[in-house]
Amino acid sequence: MSQEEPQQHGASEQEAAPKSLLQQMEEMLAALNADLSQLDADLRFSARDDRTV
């Protein structure tokens, strides 16, 4: 149990400041939108392949 542990813990808290609920929701919605866009692209590609078979 060195004296460095509390200092490292304090430094990491400053680097990762808590985000507001609004910011967290915006990030989650952006990630969801990206996932849905990728799913849409995958489904369109799959549908295109089904038509050519």
PDB file of N, CA and C in Angstrom:
ATOM      1  N   MET A   1       0.833  -1.176   0.000  1.00  0.00           N
ATOM      2  CA  MET A   1       0.000   0.000   0.000  1.00  0.00           C
ATOM      3  C   MET A   1       0.878   1.239   0.000  1.00  0.00           C
ATOM      4  N   SER A   2       1.230   1.654  -1.172  1.00  0.00           N
ATOM      5  CA  SER A   2       2.116   2.801  -1.303  1.00  0.00           C
ATOM      6  C   SER A   2       1.323   4.100  -1.279  1.00  0.00           C
ATOM      7  N   GLN A   3       2.048   5.174  -1.207  1.00  0.00           N
ATOM      8  CA  GLN A   3       1.403   6.487  -1.192  1.00  0.00           C
ATOM      9  C   GLN A   3       0.948   6.899  -2.584  1.00  0.00           C
ATOM     10  N   GLU A   4       1.399   6.189  -3.598  1.00  0.00           N
ATOM     11  CA  GLU A   4       1.055   6.553  -4.970  1.00  0.00           C
ATOM     12  C   GLU A   4      -0.384   6.179  -5.323  1.00  0.00           C
ATOM     13  N   GLU A   5      -0.945   5.183  -4.691  1.00  0.00           N
ATOM     14  CA  GLU A   5      -2.291   4.727  -5.048  1.00  0.00           C
ATOM     15  C   GLU A   5      -3.353   5.811  -4.962  1.00  0.00           C
ATOM     16  N   PRO A   6      -3.443   6.576  -3.861  1.00  0.00           N
ATOM     17  CA  PRO A   6      -4.464   7.635  -3.824  1.00  0.00           C
ATOM     18  C   PRO A   6      -4.239   8.701  -4.887  1.00  0.00           C
ATOM     19  N   GLN A   7      -2.996   8.993  -5.209  1.00  0.00           N
ATOM     20  CA  GLN A   7      -2.720  10.012  -6.222  1.00  0.00           C
ATOM     21  C   GLN A   7      -3.166   9.525  -7.591  1.00  0.00           C
ATOM     22  N   GLN A   8      -2.917   8.259  -7.898  1.00  0.00           N
ATOM     23  CA  GLN A   8      -3.336   7.721  -9.189  1.00  0.00           C
ATOM     24  C   GLN A   8      -4.847   7.686  -9.287  1.00  0.00           C
ATOM     25  N   HIS A   9      -5.496   7.331  -8.196  1.00  0.00           N
ATOM     26  CA  HIS A   9      -6.954   7.283  -8.195  1.00  0.00           C
ATOM     27  C   HIS A   9      -7.531   8.676  -8.435  1.00  0.00           C
ATOM     28  N   GLY A  10      -6.971   9.677  -7.789  1.00  0.00           N
ATOM     29  CA  GLY A  10      -7.437  11.050  -7.956  1.00  0.00           C
ATOM     30  C   GLY A  10      -7.220  11.552  -9.374  1.00  0.00           C
ATOM     31  N   ALA A  11      -6.114  11.185  -9.971  1.00  0.00           N
ATOM     32  CA  ALA A  11      -5.823  11.628 -11.340  1.00  0.00           C
ATOM     33  C   ALA A  11      -6.802  10.996 -12.322  1.00  0.00           C
ATOM     34  N   SER A  12      -7.142   9.727 -12.118  1.00  0.00           N
ATOM     35  CA  SER A  12      -8.061   9.076 -13.049  1.00  0.00           C
ATOM     36  C   SER A  12      -9.467   9.657 -12.934  1.00  0.00           C
ATOM     37  N   GLU A  13      -9.868  10.089 -11.751  1.00  0.00           N
ATOM     38  CA  GLU A  13     -11.185  10.715 -11.600  1.00  0.00           C
ATOM     39  C   GLU A  13     -11.257  12.028 -12.366  1.00  0.00           C
ATOM     40  N   GLN A  14     -10.190  12.783 -12.375  1.00  0.00           N
ATOM     41  CA  GLN A  14     -10.185  14.063 -13.085  1.00  0.00           C
ATOM     42  C   GLN A  14     -10.233  13.842 -14.586  1.00  0.00           C
ATOM     43  N   GLU A  15      -9.563  12.805 -15.068  1.00  0.00           N
ATOM     44  CA  GLU A  15      -9.538  12.530 -16.502  1.00  0.00           C
ATOM     45  C   GLU A  15     -10.904  12.057 -16.992  1.00  0.00           C
ATOM     46  N   ALA A  16     -11.596  11.280 -16.188  1.00  0.00           N
ATOM     47  CA  ALA A  16     -12.893  10.735 -16.568  1.00  0.00           C
ATOM     48  C   ALA A  16     -13.990  11.431 -15.763  1.00  0.00           C
ATOM     49  N   ALA A  17     -14.182  12.697 -16.044  1.00  0.00           N
ATOM     50  CA  ALA A  17     -15.221  13.455 -15.336  1.00  0.00           C
ATOM     51  C   ALA A  17     -16.583  12.882 -15.702  1.00  0.00           C
ATOM     52  N   PRO A  18     -17.504  12.826 -14.762  1.00  0.00           N
ATOM     53  CA  PRO A  18     -18.827  12.268 -15.060  1.00  0.00           C
ATOM     54  C   PRO A  18     -19.545  13.095 -16.130  1.00  0.00           C
ATOM     55  N   LYS A  19     -20.231  12.389 -17.002  1.00  0.00           N
ATOM     56  CA  LYS A  19     -20.972  13.056 -18.080  1.00  0.00           C
ATOM     57  C   LYS A  19     -22.387  13.327 -17.613  1.00  0.00           C
ATOM     58  N   SER A  20     -22.964  14.353 -18.184  1.00  0.00           N
ATOM     59  CA  SER A  20     -24.360  14.661 -17.856  1.00  0.00           C
ATOM     60  C   SER A  20     -25.259  13.599 -18.487  1.00  0.00           C
ATOM     61  N   LEU A  21     -26.441  13.464 -17.951  1.00  0.00           N
ATOM     62  CA  LEU A  21     -27.393  12.487 -18.475  1.00  0.00           C
ATOM     63  C   LEU A  21     -27.718  12.789 -19.936  1.00  0.00           C
ATOM     64  N   LEU A  22     -27.863  14.055 -20.268  1.00  0.00           N
ATOM     65  CA  LEU A  22     -28.155  14.435 -21.655  1.00  0.00           C
ATOM     66  C   LEU A  22     -27.025  14.002 -22.582  1.00  0.00           C
ATOM     67  N   GLN A  23     -25.778  14.213 -22.172  1.00  0.00           N
ATOM     68  CA  GLN A  23     -24.644  13.829 -23.004  1.00  0.00           C
ATOM     69  C   GLN A  23     -24.590  12.308 -23.174  1.00  0.00           C
ATOM     70  N   GLN A  24     -24.864  11.582 -22.097  1.00  0.00           N
ATOM     71  CA  GLN A  24     -24.882  10.123 -22.190  1.00  0.00           C
ATOM     72  C   GLN A  24     -25.966   9.655 -23.155  1.00  0.00           C
ATOM     73  N   MET A  25     -27.146  10.262 -23.079  1.00  0.00           N
ATOM     74  CA  MET A  25     -28.241   9.886 -23.967  1.00  0.00           C
ATOM     75  C   MET A  25     -27.915  10.210 -25.424  1.00  0.00           C
ATOM     76  N   GLU A  26     -27.291  11.362 -25.659  1.00  0.00           N
ATOM     77  CA  GLU A  26     -26.916  11.727 -27.023  1.00  0.00           C
ATOM     78  C   GLU A  26     -25.911  10.734 -27.596  1.00  0.00           C
ATOM     79  N   GLU A  27     -24.952  10.318 -26.785  1.00  0.00           N
ATOM     80  CA  GLU A  27     -23.962   9.346 -27.246  1.00  0.00           C
ATOM     81  C   GLU A  27     -24.609   7.996 -27.522  1.00  0.00           C
ATOM     82  N   MET A  28     -25.532   7.588 -26.652  1.00  0.00           N
ATOM     83  CA  MET A  28     -26.225   6.316 -26.867  1.00  0.00           C
ATOM     84  C   MET A  28     -27.077   6.360 -28.126  1.00  0.00           C
ATOM     85  N   LEU A  29     -27.765   7.470 -28.354  1.00  0.00           N
ATOM     86  CA  LEU A  29     -28.587   7.594 -29.560  1.00  0.00           C
ATOM     87  C   LEU A  29     -27.732   7.628 -30.820  1.00  0.00           C
ATOM     88  N   ALA A  30     -26.577   8.265 -30.752  1.00  0.00           N
ATOM     89  CA  ALA A  30     -25.674   8.289 -31.900  1.00  0.00           C
ATOM     90  C   ALA A  30     -25.166   6.880 -32.208  1.00  0.00           C
ATOM     91  N   ALA A  31     -24.831   6.127 -31.173  1.00  0.00           N
ATOM     92  CA  ALA A  31     -24.373   4.748 -31.369  1.00  0.00           C
ATOM     93  C   ALA A  31     -25.500   3.888 -31.925  1.00  0.00           C
ATOM     94  N   LEU A  32     -26.709   4.064 -31.411  1.00  0.00           N
ATOM     95  CA  LEU A  32     -27.861   3.309 -31.906  1.00  0.00           C
ATOM     96  C   LEU A  32     -28.128   3.640 -33.372  1.00  0.00           C
ATOM     97  N   ASN A  33     -28.048   4.912 -33.714  1.00  0.00           N
ATOM     98  CA  ASN A  33     -28.272   5.333 -35.093  1.00  0.00           C
ATOM     99  C   ASN A  33     -27.236   4.694 -36.025  1.00  0.00           C
ATOM    100  N   ALA A  34     -25.975   4.662 -35.587  1.00  0.00           N
ATOM    101  CA  ALA A  34     -24.930   4.039 -36.397  1.00  0.00           C
ATOM    102  C   ALA A  34     -25.195   2.547 -36.567  1.00  0.00           C
ATOM    103  N   ASP A  35     -25.609   1.886 -35.490  1.00  0.00           N
ATOM    104  CA  ASP A  35     -25.921   0.456 -35.567  1.00  0.00           C
ATOM    105  C   ASP A  35     -27.089   0.195 -36.506  1.00  0.00           C
ATOM    106  N   LEU A  36     -28.124   1.025 -36.422  1.00  0.00           N
ATOM    107  CA  LEU A  36     -29.282   0.844 -37.294  1.00  0.00           C
ATOM    108  C   LEU A  36     -28.934   1.119 -38.749  1.00  0.00           C
ATOM    109  N   SER A  37     -28.078   2.086 -38.981  1.00  0.00           N
ATOM    110  CA  SER A  37     -27.651   2.371 -40.351  1.00  0.00           C
ATOM    111  C   SER A  37     -26.870   1.195 -40.931  1.00  0.00           C
ATOM    112  N   GLN A  38     -26.019   0.595 -40.107  1.00  0.00           N
ATOM    113  CA  GLN A  38     -25.249  -0.568 -40.565  1.00  0.00           C
ATOM    114  C   GLN A  38     -26.177  -1.751 -40.811  1.00  0.00           C
ATOM    115  N   LEU A  39     -27.148  -1.954 -39.937  1.00  0.00           N
ATOM    116  CA  LEU A  39     -28.114  -3.029 -40.124  1.00  0.00           C
ATOM    117  C   LEU A  39     -28.899  -2.823 -41.411  1.00  0.00           C
ATOM    118  N   ASP A  40     -29.309  -1.595 -41.678  1.00  0.00           N
ATOM    119  CA  ASP A  40     -30.037  -1.282 -42.902  1.00  0.00           C
ATOM    120  C   ASP A  40     -29.190  -1.598 -44.125  1.00  0.00           C
ATOM    121  N   ALA A  41     -27.930  -1.202 -44.081  1.00  0.00           N
ATOM    122  CA  ALA A  41     -27.037  -1.474 -45.207  1.00  0.00           C
ATOM    123  C   ALA A  41     -26.846  -2.976 -45.391  1.00  0.00           C
ATOM    124  N   ASP A  42     -26.699  -3.710 -44.297  1.00  0.00           N
ATOM    125  CA  ASP A  42     -26.540  -5.162 -44.389  1.00  0.00           C
ATOM    126  C   ASP A  42     -27.777  -5.823 -44.980  1.00  0.00           C
ATOM    127  N   LEU A  43     -28.958  -5.382 -44.539  1.00  0.00           N
ATOM    128  CA  LEU A  43     -30.195  -5.970 -45.051  1.00  0.00           C
ATOM    129  C   LEU A  43     -30.393  -5.650 -46.527  1.00  0.00           C
ATOM    130  N   ARG A  44     -30.074  -4.436 -46.924  1.00  0.00           N
ATOM    131  CA  ARG A  44     -30.202  -4.081 -48.345  1.00  0.00           C
ATOM    132  C   ARG A  44     -29.248  -4.908 -49.203  1.00  0.00           C
ATOM    133  N   PHE A  45     -28.029  -5.110 -48.708  1.00  0.00           N
ATOM    134  CA  PHE A  45     -27.050  -5.904 -49.435  1.00  0.00           C
ATOM    135  C   PHE A  45     -27.518  -7.349 -49.544  1.00  0.00           C
ATOM    136  N   SER A  46     -28.073  -7.862 -48.438  1.00  0.00           N
ATOM    137  CA  SER A  46     -28.578  -9.229 -48.420  1.00  0.00           C
ATOM    138  C   SER A  46     -29.756  -9.384 -49.386  1.00  0.00           C
ATOM    139  N   ALA A  47     -30.643  -8.416 -49.407  1.00  0.00           N
ATOM    140  CA  ALA A  47     -31.803  -8.467 -50.305  1.00  0.00           C
ATOM    141  C   ALA A  47     -31.360  -8.416 -51.745  1.00  0.00           C
ATOM    142  N   ARG A  48     -30.326  -7.637 -52.037  1.00  0.00           N
ATOM    143  CA  ARG A  48     -29.804  -7.528 -53.392  1.00  0.00           C
ATOM    144  C   ARG A  48     -29.225  -8.870 -53.831  1.00  0.00           C
ATOM    145  N   ASP A  49     -28.513  -9.565 -52.912  1.00  0.00           N
ATOM    146  CA  ASP A  49     -27.954 -10.865 -53.242  1.00  0.00           C
ATOM    147  C   ASP A  49     -29.046 -11.905 -53.490  1.00  0.00           C
ATOM    148  N   ASP A  50     -30.146 -11.826 -52.733  1.00  0.00           N
ATOM    149  CA  ASP A  50     -31.234 -12.775 -52.897  1.00  0.00           C
ATOM    150  C   ASP A  50     -31.892 -12.646 -54.266  1.00  0.00           C
ATOM    151  N   ARG A  51     -31.943 -11.454 -54.788  1.00  0.00           N
ATOM    152  CA  ARG A  51     -32.576 -11.226 -56.092  1.00  0.00           C
ATOM    153  C   ARG A  51     -31.726 -11.765 -57.230  1.00  0.00           C
ATOM    154  N   THR A  52     -30.411 -11.785 -57.068  1.00  0.00           N
ATOM    155  CA  THR A  52     -29.528 -12.213 -58.162  1.00  0.00           C
ATOM    156  C   THR A  52     -29.332 -13.720 -58.203  1.00  0.00           C
ATOM    157  N   VAL A  53     -29.836 -14.441 -57.196  1.00  0.00           N
ATOM    158  CA  VAL A  53     -29.635 -15.886 -57.153  1.00  0.00           C
ATOM    159  C   VAL A  53     -30.655 -16.597 -57.996  1.00  0.00           C
TER     160      VAL A  53
END
